[in-house]
């Protein structure tokens, strides 16, 4: 595998060995298969990883893209993922979802 140009982290709400946070309750794990399909379909050189709790439960689901350092909040559903990936392809952040 070549080094990915983008690494996308999706909060899976794990604290220790249990999913306890809001991101999972807001279906963050359902984003991962769609992200992977879209990345492949768009030909992006990117990797998706689920994470433990990012401690931003009230803002979730949380998604983070490196090396850009884009932190996204409220990533609910395919429409949000599409907007974020569209922005990534154009080399800018998806302003509507940026945390900060």
C-alpha atoms as a PDB file:
ATOM      1  CA  UNK A   1       0.000   0.000   0.000  1.00  0.00           C
ATOM      2  CA  UNK A   2       1.282   3.445  -0.841  1.00  0.00           C
ATOM      3  CA  UNK A   3       1.174   6.223   1.717  1.00  0.00           C
ATOM      4  CA  UNK A   4      -2.264   7.885   1.581  1.00  0.00           C
ATOM      5  CA  UNK A   5      -2.481  11.556   0.652  1.00  0.00           C
ATOM      6  CA  UNK A   6      -5.414  11.998   3.056  1.00  0.00           C
ATOM      7  CA  UNK A   7      -6.203  10.169   6.291  1.00  0.00           C
ATOM      8  CA  UNK A   8      -9.818  10.476   7.404  1.00  0.00           C
ATOM      9  CA  UNK A   9     -10.692   9.689  11.012  1.00  0.00           C
ATOM     10  CA  UNK A  10     -14.291   9.066  12.095  1.00  0.00           C
ATOM     11  CA  UNK A  11     -15.196   9.125  15.782  1.00  0.00           C
ATOM     12  CA  UNK A  12     -16.540   5.752  16.892  1.00  0.00           C
ATOM     13  CA  UNK A  13     -17.238   6.925  20.464  1.00  0.00           C
ATOM     14  CA  UNK A  14     -15.141   4.276  22.196  1.00  0.00           C
ATOM     15  CA  UNK A  15     -13.911   4.994  25.705  1.00  0.00           C
ATOM     16  CA  UNK A  16     -11.966   1.981  26.796  1.00  0.00           C
ATOM     17  CA  UNK A  17     -13.707  -1.035  25.301  1.00  0.00           C
ATOM     18  CA  UNK A  18     -17.238   0.370  25.112  1.00  0.00           C
ATOM     19  CA  UNK A  19     -18.927   2.754  22.710  1.00  0.00           C
ATOM     20  CA  UNK A  20     -20.365   5.383  25.045  1.00  0.00           C
ATOM     21  CA  UNK A  21     -20.380   8.690  23.202  1.00  0.00           C
ATOM     22  CA  UNK A  22     -22.826  10.543  21.022  1.00  0.00           C
ATOM     23  CA  UNK A  23     -21.110  10.044  17.669  1.00  0.00           C
ATOM     24  CA  UNK A  24     -21.978   6.367  17.553  1.00  0.00           C
ATOM     25  CA  UNK A  25     -25.519   7.128  18.709  1.00  0.00           C
ATOM     26  CA  UNK A  26     -25.705   9.572  15.797  1.00  0.00           C
ATOM     27  CA  UNK A  27     -24.658   6.753  13.423  1.00  0.00           C
ATOM     28  CA  UNK A  28     -21.047   7.757  12.778  1.00  0.00           C
ATOM     29  CA  UNK A  29     -20.127   4.153  11.993  1.00  0.00           C
ATOM     30  CA  UNK A  30     -22.552   4.149   9.048  1.00  0.00           C
ATOM     31  CA  UNK A  31     -20.409   6.877   7.468  1.00  0.00           C
ATOM     32  CA  UNK A  32     -17.389   4.588   7.068  1.00  0.00           C
ATOM     33  CA  UNK A  33     -18.675   2.233   4.332  1.00  0.00           C
ATOM     34  CA  UNK A  34     -20.036   5.193   2.372  1.00  0.00           C
ATOM     35  CA  UNK A  35     -16.750   7.096   2.761  1.00  0.00           C
ATOM     36  CA  UNK A  36     -14.791   4.084   1.519  1.00  0.00           C
ATOM     37  CA  UNK A  37     -17.089   3.661  -1.513  1.00  0.00           C
ATOM     38  CA  UNK A  38     -16.861   7.344  -2.389  1.00  0.00           C
ATOM     39  CA  UNK A  39     -13.084   7.432  -1.990  1.00  0.00           C
ATOM     40  CA  UNK A  40     -12.730   4.463  -4.350  1.00  0.00           C
ATOM     41  CA  UNK A  41     -15.270   5.872  -6.802  1.00  0.00           C
ATOM     42  CA  UNK A  42     -13.585   9.266  -6.884  1.00  0.00           C
ATOM     43  CA  UNK A  43     -10.111   7.763  -7.154  1.00  0.00           C
ATOM     44  CA  UNK A  44      -8.889   9.582  -4.052  1.00  0.00           C
ATOM     45  CA  UNK A  45      -5.689   8.421  -2.395  1.00  0.00           C
ATOM     46  CA  UNK A  46      -7.194   8.305   1.090  1.00  0.00           C
ATOM     47  CA  UNK A  47      -7.562   5.999   4.054  1.00  0.00           C
ATOM     48  CA  UNK A  48     -10.431   5.845   6.586  1.00  0.00           C
ATOM     49  CA  UNK A  49      -9.942   4.925  10.246  1.00  0.00           C
ATOM     50  CA  UNK A  50     -12.432   4.778  13.118  1.00  0.00           C
ATOM     51  CA  UNK A  51     -11.237   6.272  16.394  1.00  0.00           C
ATOM     52  CA  UNK A  52     -11.995   6.324  20.060  1.00  0.00           C
ATOM     53  CA  UNK A  53     -13.954   9.206  21.519  1.00  0.00           C
ATOM     54  CA  UNK A  54     -12.668  12.638  20.432  1.00  0.00           C
ATOM     55  CA  UNK A  55     -14.383  14.321  23.407  1.00  0.00           C
ATOM     56  CA  UNK A  56     -16.530  16.607  21.290  1.00  0.00           C
ATOM     57  CA  UNK A  57     -19.772  14.693  21.804  1.00  0.00           C
ATOM     58  CA  UNK A  58     -22.058  17.703  21.587  1.00  0.00           C
ATOM     59  CA  UNK A  59     -20.648  18.482  18.119  1.00  0.00           C
ATOM     60  CA  UNK A  60     -20.761  14.929  16.728  1.00  0.00           C
ATOM     61  CA  UNK A  61     -20.440  13.019  14.624  1.00  0.00           C
ATOM     62  CA  UNK A  62     -16.849  14.215  14.343  1.00  0.00           C
ATOM     63  CA  UNK A  63     -14.622  13.617  11.335  1.00  0.00           C
ATOM     64  CA  UNK A  64     -11.000  14.711  11.042  1.00  0.00           C
ATOM     65  CA  UNK A  65      -8.842  14.872   7.917  1.00  0.00           C
ATOM     66  CA  UNK A  66      -5.045  14.810   7.999  1.00  0.00           C
ATOM     67  CA  UNK A  67      -2.602  16.158   7.047  1.00  0.00           C
ATOM     68  CA  UNK A  68      -4.831  19.214   6.548  1.00  0.00           C
ATOM     69  CA  UNK A  69      -6.040  19.277  10.140  1.00  0.00           C
ATOM     70  CA  UNK A  70      -9.673  19.819   9.152  1.00  0.00           C
ATOM     71  CA  UNK A  71     -12.001  18.997  12.052  1.00  0.00           C
ATOM     72  CA  UNK A  72     -15.614  18.550  11.001  1.00  0.00           C
ATOM     73  CA  UNK A  73     -18.706  18.522  13.204  1.00  0.00           C
ATOM     74  CA  UNK A  74     -22.257  17.386  12.593  1.00  0.00           C
ATOM     75  CA  UNK A  75     -21.268  14.964   9.850  1.00  0.00           C
ATOM     76  CA  UNK A  76     -24.634  13.272   9.480  1.00  0.00           C
ATOM     77  CA  UNK A  77     -25.409  11.265   6.361  1.00  0.00           C
ATOM     78  CA  UNK A  78     -24.237  10.992   2.792  1.00  0.00           C
ATOM     79  CA  UNK A  79     -24.914  14.638   1.921  1.00  0.00           C
ATOM     80  CA  UNK A  80     -22.396  15.811   4.541  1.00  0.00           C
ATOM     81  CA  UNK A  81     -19.801  13.267   3.404  1.00  0.00           C
ATOM     82  CA  UNK A  82     -20.273  14.331  -0.225  1.00  0.00           C
ATOM     83  CA  UNK A  83     -19.796  18.005   0.648  1.00  0.00           C
ATOM     84  CA  UNK A  84     -16.630  17.253   2.615  1.00  0.00           C
ATOM     85  CA  UNK A  85     -15.149  15.052  -0.113  1.00  0.00           C
ATOM     86  CA  UNK A  86     -16.092  17.592  -2.821  1.00  0.00           C
ATOM     87  CA  UNK A  87     -14.233  20.272  -0.868  1.00  0.00           C
ATOM     88  CA  UNK A  88     -11.257  17.965  -0.292  1.00  0.00           C
ATOM     89  CA  UNK A  89     -11.017  17.326  -4.034  1.00  0.00           C
ATOM     90  CA  UNK A  90     -11.005  21.056  -4.692  1.00  0.00           C
ATOM     91  CA  UNK A  91      -8.273  21.621  -2.116  1.00  0.00           C
ATOM     92  CA  UNK A  92     -10.239  23.523   0.486  1.00  0.00           C
ATOM     93  CA  UNK A  93     -12.219  22.803   3.661  1.00  0.00           C
ATOM     94  CA  UNK A  94     -15.991  22.278   3.686  1.00  0.00           C
ATOM     95  CA  UNK A  95     -16.862  25.473   5.562  1.00  0.00           C
ATOM     96  CA  UNK A  96     -20.393  24.402   6.527  1.00  0.00           C
ATOM     97  CA  UNK A  97     -19.041  21.549   8.659  1.00  0.00           C
ATOM     98  CA  UNK A  98     -15.781  22.986  10.005  1.00  0.00           C
ATOM     99  CA  UNK A  99     -15.381  22.903  13.765  1.00  0.00           C
ATOM    100  CA  UNK A 100     -14.116  26.117  15.173  1.00  0.00           C
END
